[in-house]
Each structure stands twice: as structure tokens, then as C-alpha cells.
């Protein structure tokens, strides 16, 4: 299932769909089916226009981010913080060492901030190597370098270094929480990723307080043309498409109880 999902996403993201449609249009014209080729070319242009030159992806991502709000106040008592992986550039850190953070760095930064307010809380980092090859350093293992650089002792970390997907995050984390006797946990992940994550933890019977971070939209964007930032529009559309597809896949396979968990 893991390999299938990875291969599916190679072809299912918006720009890949546009490429496949363009290739189909070329083939149809070459075979003499000009009308069908023209229709495929029109679909190509439509996909590219929506992806590059509208706020459709931003709005789709914004809906996800707004689904589960962060609590107004921090809980008074926190025994652990579950931080889902996806923060480090695993390929780069494996080759070069050190700490190379990506756009989801807020997950680690917020966990670090919270450790100052809750000095007794453990930090459970859940995330291994999510690549197809499995050749890179697991994220939970590498995260120790980040937290130790800011004076967090290794014994405060609980490292789950084998999961490759959010579903595996949940299963493996549940076992660790039970073994460590931990409860009353904050769940820290990107806001757009929170609905799926919360639904999986609920399905596993783990009670968590959602603590979304890494917001990528302003929360006030409306659907409209946008010719100012095509590269960013494509990135946001790709992120939104992946998360919505993942929600649908998890719902259809029975891993979560609702298509759009709240």
C-alpha cells in the first residue's frame, strides 16, 4: 500500500496531470484524431490555468487549515507533545549531516517553545524515512540534533523512527504512549494536515489536544484569478490536492470514520 500510494501521487498531482494530458493531446493529433487531441489540449490548458493562475489551491488548503482551530489558551498540564514528522530534508541531512529544515519547520519550533512552558513534558517525535528507497536517516533519529542544539536533553525525547505515513505514525505512536505511560498529549502538526491526523488518532483511541501550526494561508483568501505568484499557486494547489486525496483514500479504506473530520 505504501509503495502504491507513492507511485499514485507521482502521476496524480496537478502538474503531472497536465503533462499527461499534453502527451495524450500530442498522441491523438499524431494519430489523426484532431478533435480529440484539441479537447485534450484544452483540458491541459484548463488544468494549468487553475493550478498556476487562480487561488483555487489556496482556498482548498485554507478550508483544511480552518477545520480544526488551535485552542485559545495553552493547557495548564501537558505530559507529552506528539510531533509528527515531515520537518527535515532527510536526503540532505543523511548526505551532509546537520539540521536542514523544510517549510514545516514550525512543528519543531513550536514544540521547542512549548518545552519552556512545560518543562516536565516529554517530546514524542514520530517519523521515519518516508522515501521509496528507504535509504535515508529517519526523521525522529535526526531530530535529536535539533533539540539538543537548544539544550533539550535526550531523555526528554521519545523517538518513533520507523513510520513512513501518517497512518503508521498513529499506530506506532499508540504503542509508544502505552509503553511509556503517557497521556494528556498535544498533537503538533501542520494545520492543513490536522483533520486527517486527528481522525486517525481518534480511530486508534488516543485522546489528543490538536495544536495546529505551519499555517500557509491567511484565512481570508477568496476564489479568484491570481497572476502574481504562479509558482506559489502551484505549490499550494499540489499540497491541497495531496491532502484532500489522502482524506478520501483513508475514508474509503476505513482508516478514518469521516471524510472531513472536525
C-alpha atoms as a PDB file:
ATOM      1  CA  UNK A   1       0.000   0.000   0.000  1.00  0.00           C
ATOM      2  CA  UNK A   2       2.852   2.393   0.849  1.00  0.00           C
ATOM      3  CA  UNK A   3       4.587   1.912  -2.499  1.00  0.00           C
ATOM      4  CA  UNK A   4       1.281   2.114  -4.373  1.00  0.00           C
ATOM      5  CA  UNK A   5       0.406   5.427  -2.738  1.00  0.00           C
ATOM      6  CA  UNK A   6       3.825   6.853  -3.597  1.00  0.00           C
ATOM      7  CA  UNK A   7       3.556   5.808  -7.239  1.00  0.00           C
ATOM      8  CA  UNK A   8      -0.023   7.064  -7.481  1.00  0.00           C
ATOM      9  CA  UNK A   9       0.994  10.504  -6.282  1.00  0.00           C
ATOM     10  CA  UNK A  10       3.733  10.776  -8.919  1.00  0.00           C
ATOM     11  CA  UNK A  11       1.002  10.874 -11.568  1.00  0.00           C
ATOM     12  CA  UNK A  12      -1.937  12.353  -9.604  1.00  0.00           C
ATOM     13  CA  UNK A  13      -0.512  15.774  -8.745  1.00  0.00           C
ATOM     14  CA  UNK A  14      -1.821  18.672 -10.838  1.00  0.00           C
ATOM     15  CA  UNK A  15       1.268  19.369 -12.957  1.00  0.00           C
ATOM     16  CA  UNK A  16       1.697  15.658 -13.693  1.00  0.00           C
ATOM     17  CA  UNK A  17      -1.927  15.508 -14.846  1.00  0.00           C
ATOM     18  CA  UNK A  18      -1.271  18.485 -17.132  1.00  0.00           C
ATOM     19  CA  UNK A  19       1.778  16.741 -18.589  1.00  0.00           C
ATOM     20  CA  UNK A  20      -0.127  13.506 -19.192  1.00  0.00           C
ATOM     21  CA  UNK A  21      -2.954  15.409 -20.888  1.00  0.00           C
ATOM     22  CA  UNK A  22      -0.464  17.257 -23.091  1.00  0.00           C
ATOM     23  CA  UNK A  23       1.200  13.960 -24.035  1.00  0.00           C
ATOM     24  CA  UNK A  24      -2.221  12.490 -24.828  1.00  0.00           C
ATOM     25  CA  UNK A  25      -3.118  15.505 -26.971  1.00  0.00           C
ATOM     26  CA  UNK A  26       0.099  15.112 -28.953  1.00  0.00           C
ATOM     27  CA  UNK A  27      -0.504  11.402 -29.489  1.00  0.00           C
ATOM     28  CA  UNK A  28      -4.108  11.933 -30.613  1.00  0.00           C
ATOM     29  CA  UNK A  29      -3.101  14.595 -33.133  1.00  0.00           C
ATOM     30  CA  UNK A  30      -0.292  12.371 -34.416  1.00  0.00           C
ATOM     31  CA  UNK A  31      -2.826   9.556 -34.926  1.00  0.00           C
ATOM     32  CA  UNK A  32      -5.104  11.895 -36.855  1.00  0.00           C
ATOM     33  CA  UNK A  33      -7.758  12.354 -34.165  1.00  0.00           C
ATOM     34  CA  UNK A  34      -7.502  16.145 -34.222  1.00  0.00           C
ATOM     35  CA  UNK A  35     -10.752  16.951 -32.436  1.00  0.00           C
ATOM     36  CA  UNK A  36      -9.975  14.628 -29.536  1.00  0.00           C
ATOM     37  CA  UNK A  37      -6.423  15.977 -29.484  1.00  0.00           C
ATOM     38  CA  UNK A  38      -7.734  19.516 -29.360  1.00  0.00           C
ATOM     39  CA  UNK A  39     -10.056  18.619 -26.483  1.00  0.00           C
ATOM     40  CA  UNK A  40      -7.153  17.080 -24.543  1.00  0.00           C
ATOM     41  CA  UNK A  41      -5.092  20.220 -25.228  1.00  0.00           C
ATOM     42  CA  UNK A  42      -7.961  22.346 -23.904  1.00  0.00           C
ATOM     43  CA  UNK A  43      -8.078  20.275 -20.722  1.00  0.00           C
ATOM     44  CA  UNK A  44      -4.322  20.711 -20.370  1.00  0.00           C
ATOM     45  CA  UNK A  45      -4.657  24.472 -20.581  1.00  0.00           C
ATOM     46  CA  UNK A  46      -7.531  24.448 -18.094  1.00  0.00           C
ATOM     47  CA  UNK A  47      -5.596  22.396 -15.510  1.00  0.00           C
ATOM     48  CA  UNK A  48      -2.557  24.664 -15.905  1.00  0.00           C
ATOM     49  CA  UNK A  49      -4.633  27.828 -15.639  1.00  0.00           C
ATOM     50  CA  UNK A  50      -6.405  26.696 -12.460  1.00  0.00           C
ATOM     51  CA  UNK A  51      -3.140  25.473 -10.937  1.00  0.00           C
ATOM     52  CA  UNK A  52      -0.938  28.434 -11.835  1.00  0.00           C
ATOM     53  CA  UNK A  53      -3.199  31.439 -12.218  1.00  0.00           C
ATOM     54  CA  UNK A  54      -6.039  31.127  -9.687  1.00  0.00           C
ATOM     55  CA  UNK A  55      -6.376  30.959  -5.906  1.00  0.00           C
ATOM     56  CA  UNK A  56      -8.187  27.602  -6.128  1.00  0.00           C
ATOM     57  CA  UNK A  57      -5.370  25.709  -4.417  1.00  0.00           C
ATOM     58  CA  UNK A  58      -5.016  28.344  -1.712  1.00  0.00           C
ATOM     59  CA  UNK A  59      -8.744  28.232  -0.966  1.00  0.00           C
ATOM     60  CA  UNK A  60      -8.738  24.412  -0.885  1.00  0.00           C
ATOM     61  CA  UNK A  61      -5.820  24.468   1.557  1.00  0.00           C
ATOM     62  CA  UNK A  62      -7.465  27.208   3.612  1.00  0.00           C
ATOM     63  CA  UNK A  63     -10.564  25.058   4.125  1.00  0.00           C
ATOM     64  CA  UNK A  64      -8.369  22.329   5.592  1.00  0.00           C
ATOM     65  CA  UNK A  65      -6.486  24.767   7.835  1.00  0.00           C
ATOM     66  CA  UNK A  66      -9.689  26.257   9.215  1.00  0.00           C
ATOM     67  CA  UNK A  67     -11.298  22.917  10.054  1.00  0.00           C
ATOM     68  CA  UNK A  68      -9.671  22.438  13.465  1.00  0.00           C
ATOM     69  CA  UNK A  69      -8.732  25.591  15.348  1.00  0.00           C
ATOM     70  CA  UNK A  70      -5.928  25.901  17.867  1.00  0.00           C
ATOM     71  CA  UNK A  71      -7.203  26.269  21.467  1.00  0.00           C
ATOM     72  CA  UNK A  72      -7.327  29.868  22.662  1.00  0.00           C
ATOM     73  CA  UNK A  73      -5.213  29.054  25.709  1.00  0.00           C
ATOM     74  CA  UNK A  74      -2.467  26.537  26.350  1.00  0.00           C
ATOM     75  CA  UNK A  75      -3.436  23.623  28.607  1.00  0.00           C
ATOM     76  CA  UNK A  76      -2.167  24.015  32.140  1.00  0.00           C
ATOM     77  CA  UNK A  77      -0.849  20.473  32.265  1.00  0.00           C
ATOM     78  CA  UNK A  78       0.821  18.648  29.384  1.00  0.00           C
ATOM     79  CA  UNK A  79       2.567  15.318  29.847  1.00  0.00           C
ATOM     80  CA  UNK A  80       3.758  14.967  26.265  1.00  0.00           C
ATOM     81  CA  UNK A  81       3.820  16.616  22.871  1.00  0.00           C
ATOM     82  CA  UNK A  82       3.406  14.403  19.816  1.00  0.00           C
ATOM     83  CA  UNK A  83       5.212  15.999  16.877  1.00  0.00           C
ATOM     84  CA  UNK A  84       4.542  14.399  13.506  1.00  0.00           C
ATOM     85  CA  UNK A  85       7.457  14.155  11.099  1.00  0.00           C
ATOM     86  CA  UNK A  86       7.851  15.881   7.763  1.00  0.00           C
ATOM     87  CA  UNK A  87      10.060  18.691   9.062  1.00  0.00           C
ATOM     88  CA  UNK A  88      13.547  17.689   7.921  1.00  0.00           C
ATOM     89  CA  UNK A  89      15.056  17.277   4.465  1.00  0.00           C
ATOM     90  CA  UNK A  90      16.020  13.664   5.067  1.00  0.00           C
ATOM     91  CA  UNK A  91      18.032  13.216   1.896  1.00  0.00           C
ATOM     92  CA  UNK A  92      20.133  16.313   2.624  1.00  0.00           C
ATOM     93  CA  UNK A  93      20.675  15.560   6.321  1.00  0.00           C
ATOM     94  CA  UNK A  94      21.684  11.983   5.506  1.00  0.00           C
ATOM     95  CA  UNK A  95      24.284  13.174   2.997  1.00  0.00           C
ATOM     96  CA  UNK A  96      25.543  16.268   4.806  1.00  0.00           C
ATOM     97  CA  UNK A  97      24.583  15.788   8.444  1.00  0.00           C
ATOM     98  CA  UNK A  98      23.432  18.765  10.462  1.00  0.00           C
ATOM     99  CA  UNK A  99      19.867  20.080  10.578  1.00  0.00           C
ATOM    100  CA  UNK A 100      18.098  21.061   7.363  1.00  0.00           C
ATOM    101  CA  UNK A 101      14.506  22.163   7.965  1.00  0.00           C
ATOM    102  CA  UNK A 102      11.791  22.489   5.344  1.00  0.00           C
ATOM    103  CA  UNK A 103       8.575  24.549   5.203  1.00  0.00           C
ATOM    104  CA  UNK A 104       7.017  22.550   8.048  1.00  0.00           C
ATOM    105  CA  UNK A 105       9.746  23.685  10.489  1.00  0.00           C
ATOM    106  CA  UNK A 106       7.091  25.304  12.709  1.00  0.00           C
ATOM    107  CA  UNK A 107       6.325  21.840  14.089  1.00  0.00           C
ATOM    108  CA  UNK A 108       9.747  21.636  15.753  1.00  0.00           C
ATOM    109  CA  UNK A 109       9.931  25.338  16.594  1.00  0.00           C
ATOM    110  CA  UNK A 110       6.557  25.278  18.378  1.00  0.00           C
ATOM    111  CA  UNK A 111       7.495  22.107  20.259  1.00  0.00           C
ATOM    112  CA  UNK A 112      10.692  23.815  21.367  1.00  0.00           C
ATOM    113  CA  UNK A 113       8.734  26.863  22.583  1.00  0.00           C
ATOM    114  CA  UNK A 114       6.289  24.685  24.485  1.00  0.00           C
ATOM    115  CA  UNK A 115       9.090  22.824  26.260  1.00  0.00           C
ATOM    116  CA  UNK A 116       9.970  26.072  28.024  1.00  0.00           C
ATOM    117  CA  UNK A 117       6.397  26.430  29.335  1.00  0.00           C
ATOM    118  CA  UNK A 118       6.029  22.741  30.213  1.00  0.00           C
ATOM    119  CA  UNK A 119       9.437  21.567  31.469  1.00  0.00           C
ATOM    120  CA  UNK A 120       8.030  18.243  32.634  1.00  0.00           C
ATOM    121  CA  UNK A 121       6.555  17.293  29.244  1.00  0.00           C
ATOM    122  CA  UNK A 122       8.121  14.640  27.041  1.00  0.00           C
ATOM    123  CA  UNK A 123       8.511  15.212  23.293  1.00  0.00           C
ATOM    124  CA  UNK A 124       7.476  12.283  21.124  1.00  0.00           C
ATOM    125  CA  UNK A 125       8.811  12.660  17.582  1.00  0.00           C
ATOM    126  CA  UNK A 126       7.049  10.332  15.148  1.00  0.00           C
ATOM    127  CA  UNK A 127       8.581   9.896  11.721  1.00  0.00           C
ATOM    128  CA  UNK A 128      10.999   7.645   9.900  1.00  0.00           C
ATOM    129  CA  UNK A 129      12.204   7.643   6.306  1.00  0.00           C
ATOM    130  CA  UNK A 130       9.195   8.149   4.038  1.00  0.00           C
ATOM    131  CA  UNK A 131      11.107   7.725   0.778  1.00  0.00           C
ATOM    132  CA  UNK A 132      10.509   4.851  -1.627  1.00  0.00           C
ATOM    133  CA  UNK A 133      14.131   3.753  -1.339  1.00  0.00           C
ATOM    134  CA  UNK A 134      14.228   3.769   2.462  1.00  0.00           C
ATOM    135  CA  UNK A 135      17.866   4.798   2.215  1.00  0.00           C
ATOM    136  CA  UNK A 136      17.788   7.923   4.361  1.00  0.00           C
ATOM    137  CA  UNK A 137      18.128   8.710   8.037  1.00  0.00           C
ATOM    138  CA  UNK A 138      14.873   8.518   9.962  1.00  0.00           C
ATOM    139  CA  UNK A 139      13.493  11.887  10.994  1.00  0.00           C
ATOM    140  CA  UNK A 140      12.931  11.086  14.650  1.00  0.00           C
ATOM    141  CA  UNK A 141      16.543   9.998  14.967  1.00  0.00           C
ATOM    142  CA  UNK A 142      17.820  13.135  13.247  1.00  0.00           C
ATOM    143  CA  UNK A 143      15.568  15.365  15.355  1.00  0.00           C
ATOM    144  CA  UNK A 144      17.751  14.725  18.393  1.00  0.00           C
ATOM    145  CA  UNK A 145      20.398  17.001  16.838  1.00  0.00           C
ATOM    146  CA  UNK A 146      17.867  19.823  16.585  1.00  0.00           C
ATOM    147  CA  UNK A 147      16.567  19.643  20.145  1.00  0.00           C
ATOM    148  CA  UNK A 148      19.957  19.003  21.735  1.00  0.00           C
ATOM    149  CA  UNK A 149      21.284  22.133  19.996  1.00  0.00           C
ATOM    150  CA  UNK A 150      18.790  24.118  22.097  1.00  0.00           C
ATOM    151  CA  UNK A 151      19.615  22.400  25.351  1.00  0.00           C
ATOM    152  CA  UNK A 152      16.840  19.791  25.406  1.00  0.00           C
ATOM    153  CA  UNK A 153      18.271  16.604  26.996  1.00  0.00           C
ATOM    154  CA  UNK A 154      17.934  13.366  25.072  1.00  0.00           C
ATOM    155  CA  UNK A 155      15.953  11.728  27.880  1.00  0.00           C
ATOM    156  CA  UNK A 156      13.057  14.109  27.248  1.00  0.00           C
ATOM    157  CA  UNK A 157      12.690  12.760  23.708  1.00  0.00           C
ATOM    158  CA  UNK A 158      10.695   9.691  22.759  1.00  0.00           C
ATOM    159  CA  UNK A 159      11.679   8.724  19.214  1.00  0.00           C
ATOM    160  CA  UNK A 160       9.450   6.732  16.890  1.00  0.00           C
ATOM    161  CA  UNK A 161      11.736   6.256  13.903  1.00  0.00           C
ATOM    162  CA  UNK A 162      10.001   3.656  11.729  1.00  0.00           C
ATOM    163  CA  UNK A 163       6.741   5.171  10.426  1.00  0.00           C
ATOM    164  CA  UNK A 164       6.530   6.229   6.763  1.00  0.00           C
ATOM    165  CA  UNK A 165       2.950   7.544   6.634  1.00  0.00           C
ATOM    166  CA  UNK A 166       0.507   9.348   8.912  1.00  0.00           C
ATOM    167  CA  UNK A 167      -1.321   6.064   9.419  1.00  0.00           C
ATOM    168  CA  UNK A 168       1.876   4.399  10.618  1.00  0.00           C
ATOM    169  CA  UNK A 169       2.593   7.459  12.796  1.00  0.00           C
ATOM    170  CA  UNK A 170      -0.641   6.755  14.639  1.00  0.00           C
ATOM    171  CA  UNK A 171      -0.167   3.008  15.096  1.00  0.00           C
ATOM    172  CA  UNK A 172       3.424   3.270  16.256  1.00  0.00           C
ATOM    173  CA  UNK A 173       2.756   6.269  18.491  1.00  0.00           C
ATOM    174  CA  UNK A 174      -0.134   4.466  20.214  1.00  0.00           C
ATOM    175  CA  UNK A 175       2.204   1.649  21.185  1.00  0.00           C
ATOM    176  CA  UNK A 176       4.861   4.042  22.486  1.00  0.00           C
ATOM    177  CA  UNK A 177       2.369   6.035  24.538  1.00  0.00           C
ATOM    178  CA  UNK A 178       1.150   2.841  26.162  1.00  0.00           C
ATOM    179  CA  UNK A 179       4.667   1.598  26.896  1.00  0.00           C
ATOM    180  CA  UNK A 180       5.778   4.959  28.300  1.00  0.00           C
ATOM    181  CA  UNK A 181       2.575   5.516  30.286  1.00  0.00           C
ATOM    182  CA  UNK A 182       1.960   8.870  28.617  1.00  0.00           C
ATOM    183  CA  UNK A 183      -1.372  10.621  28.146  1.00  0.00           C
ATOM    184  CA  UNK A 184      -2.799  14.143  28.046  1.00  0.00           C
ATOM    185  CA  UNK A 185      -0.827  14.936  24.898  1.00  0.00           C
ATOM    186  CA  UNK A 186      -0.737  17.822  22.477  1.00  0.00           C
ATOM    187  CA  UNK A 187      -0.713  16.828  18.811  1.00  0.00           C
ATOM    188  CA  UNK A 188       1.523  19.165  16.809  1.00  0.00           C
ATOM    189  CA  UNK A 189       1.396  19.106  13.032  1.00  0.00           C
ATOM    190  CA  UNK A 190       0.682  21.429  10.113  1.00  0.00           C
ATOM    191  CA  UNK A 191      -2.803  22.963  10.178  1.00  0.00           C
ATOM    192  CA  UNK A 192      -3.778  21.508   6.787  1.00  0.00           C
ATOM    193  CA  UNK A 193      -2.695  18.066   7.999  1.00  0.00           C
ATOM    194  CA  UNK A 194      -4.594  18.245  11.284  1.00  0.00           C
ATOM    195  CA  UNK A 195      -8.044  16.909  10.214  1.00  0.00           C
ATOM    196  CA  UNK A 196      -6.597  13.635   8.912  1.00  0.00           C
ATOM    197  CA  UNK A 197      -4.201  13.310  11.841  1.00  0.00           C
ATOM    198  CA  UNK A 198      -6.876  13.894  14.495  1.00  0.00           C
ATOM    199  CA  UNK A 199      -9.210  11.420  12.787  1.00  0.00           C
ATOM    200  CA  UNK A 200      -6.525   8.728  12.820  1.00  0.00           C
ATOM    201  CA  UNK A 201      -5.698   9.289  16.479  1.00  0.00           C
ATOM    202  CA  UNK A 202      -9.391   9.131  17.346  1.00  0.00           C
ATOM    203  CA  UNK A 203      -9.739   5.882  15.421  1.00  0.00           C
ATOM    204  CA  UNK A 204      -6.809   4.490  17.423  1.00  0.00           C
ATOM    205  CA  UNK A 205      -8.467   5.520  20.692  1.00  0.00           C
ATOM    206  CA  UNK A 206      -5.838   8.126  21.545  1.00  0.00           C
ATOM    207  CA  UNK A 207      -7.130  11.328  23.107  1.00  0.00           C
ATOM    208  CA  UNK A 208      -5.088  14.337  21.996  1.00  0.00           C
ATOM    209  CA  UNK A 209      -5.425  18.109  22.032  1.00  0.00           C
ATOM    210  CA  UNK A 210      -4.894  19.413  18.491  1.00  0.00           C
ATOM    211  CA  UNK A 211      -2.208  22.100  18.301  1.00  0.00           C
ATOM    212  CA  UNK A 212      -2.011  23.150  14.634  1.00  0.00           C
ATOM    213  CA  UNK A 213       0.970  25.121  13.332  1.00  0.00           C
ATOM    214  CA  UNK A 214       2.562  25.888   9.951  1.00  0.00           C
ATOM    215  CA  UNK A 215      -0.355  27.858   8.506  1.00  0.00           C
ATOM    216  CA  UNK A 216       0.240  28.553   4.813  1.00  0.00           C
ATOM    217  CA  UNK A 217      -2.806  30.699   4.033  1.00  0.00           C
ATOM    218  CA  UNK A 218      -4.065  33.965   5.502  1.00  0.00           C
ATOM    219  CA  UNK A 219      -7.559  32.625   6.183  1.00  0.00           C
ATOM    220  CA  UNK A 220      -9.213  35.403   4.157  1.00  0.00           C
ATOM    221  CA  UNK A 221      -8.466  34.336   0.573  1.00  0.00           C
ATOM    222  CA  UNK A 222     -11.382  34.118  -1.878  1.00  0.00           C
ATOM    223  CA  UNK A 223     -11.556  32.233  -5.160  1.00  0.00           C
ATOM    224  CA  UNK A 224     -10.271  34.487  -7.939  1.00  0.00           C
ATOM    225  CA  UNK A 225      -7.699  34.737 -10.730  1.00  0.00           C
ATOM    226  CA  UNK A 226      -4.172  35.417  -9.484  1.00  0.00           C
ATOM    227  CA  UNK A 227      -1.369  36.148 -11.945  1.00  0.00           C
ATOM    228  CA  UNK A 228       1.121  37.412  -9.364  1.00  0.00           C
ATOM    229  CA  UNK A 229       2.608  34.168  -7.990  1.00  0.00           C
ATOM    230  CA  UNK A 230       2.186  31.150 -10.303  1.00  0.00           C
ATOM    231  CA  UNK A 231       4.954  29.102  -8.648  1.00  0.00           C
ATOM    232  CA  UNK A 232       3.440  29.544  -5.177  1.00  0.00           C
ATOM    233  CA  UNK A 233      -0.060  28.858  -6.519  1.00  0.00           C
ATOM    234  CA  UNK A 234       1.190  25.577  -7.989  1.00  0.00           C
ATOM    235  CA  UNK A 235       2.840  24.610  -4.703  1.00  0.00           C
ATOM    236  CA  UNK A 236      -0.274  25.323  -2.635  1.00  0.00           C
ATOM    237  CA  UNK A 237      -2.510  23.534  -5.144  1.00  0.00           C
ATOM    238  CA  UNK A 238      -0.266  20.480  -5.026  1.00  0.00           C
ATOM    239  CA  UNK A 239      -0.258  20.421  -1.212  1.00  0.00           C
ATOM    240  CA  UNK A 240      -4.043  20.809  -1.072  1.00  0.00           C
ATOM    241  CA  UNK A 241      -4.655  18.138  -3.719  1.00  0.00           C
ATOM    242  CA  UNK A 242      -2.472  15.647  -1.897  1.00  0.00           C
ATOM    243  CA  UNK A 243      -4.189  16.188   1.437  1.00  0.00           C
ATOM    244  CA  UNK A 244      -7.715  16.026   0.021  1.00  0.00           C
ATOM    245  CA  UNK A 245      -6.848  12.847  -1.913  1.00  0.00           C
ATOM    246  CA  UNK A 246      -5.345  11.343   1.245  1.00  0.00           C
ATOM    247  CA  UNK A 247      -8.504  12.128   3.206  1.00  0.00           C
ATOM    248  CA  UNK A 248     -10.607  10.425   0.545  1.00  0.00           C
ATOM    249  CA  UNK A 249      -8.311   7.385   0.406  1.00  0.00           C
ATOM    250  CA  UNK A 250      -8.246   6.992   4.197  1.00  0.00           C
ATOM    251  CA  UNK A 251     -12.019   7.316   4.375  1.00  0.00           C
ATOM    252  CA  UNK A 252     -12.668   4.799   1.583  1.00  0.00           C
ATOM    253  CA  UNK A 253     -10.275   2.272   3.149  1.00  0.00           C
ATOM    254  CA  UNK A 254     -11.934   2.635   6.562  1.00  0.00           C
ATOM    255  CA  UNK A 255      -8.945   4.145   8.333  1.00  0.00           C
ATOM    256  CA  UNK A 256     -10.962   7.204   9.380  1.00  0.00           C
ATOM    257  CA  UNK A 257     -14.672   7.473  10.184  1.00  0.00           C
ATOM    258  CA  UNK A 258     -15.410  10.719   8.331  1.00  0.00           C
ATOM    259  CA  UNK A 259     -14.299  12.146   5.005  1.00  0.00           C
ATOM    260  CA  UNK A 260     -13.765  15.596   6.507  1.00  0.00           C
ATOM    261  CA  UNK A 261     -13.134  15.161  10.232  1.00  0.00           C
ATOM    262  CA  UNK A 262     -13.727  18.095  12.528  1.00  0.00           C
END
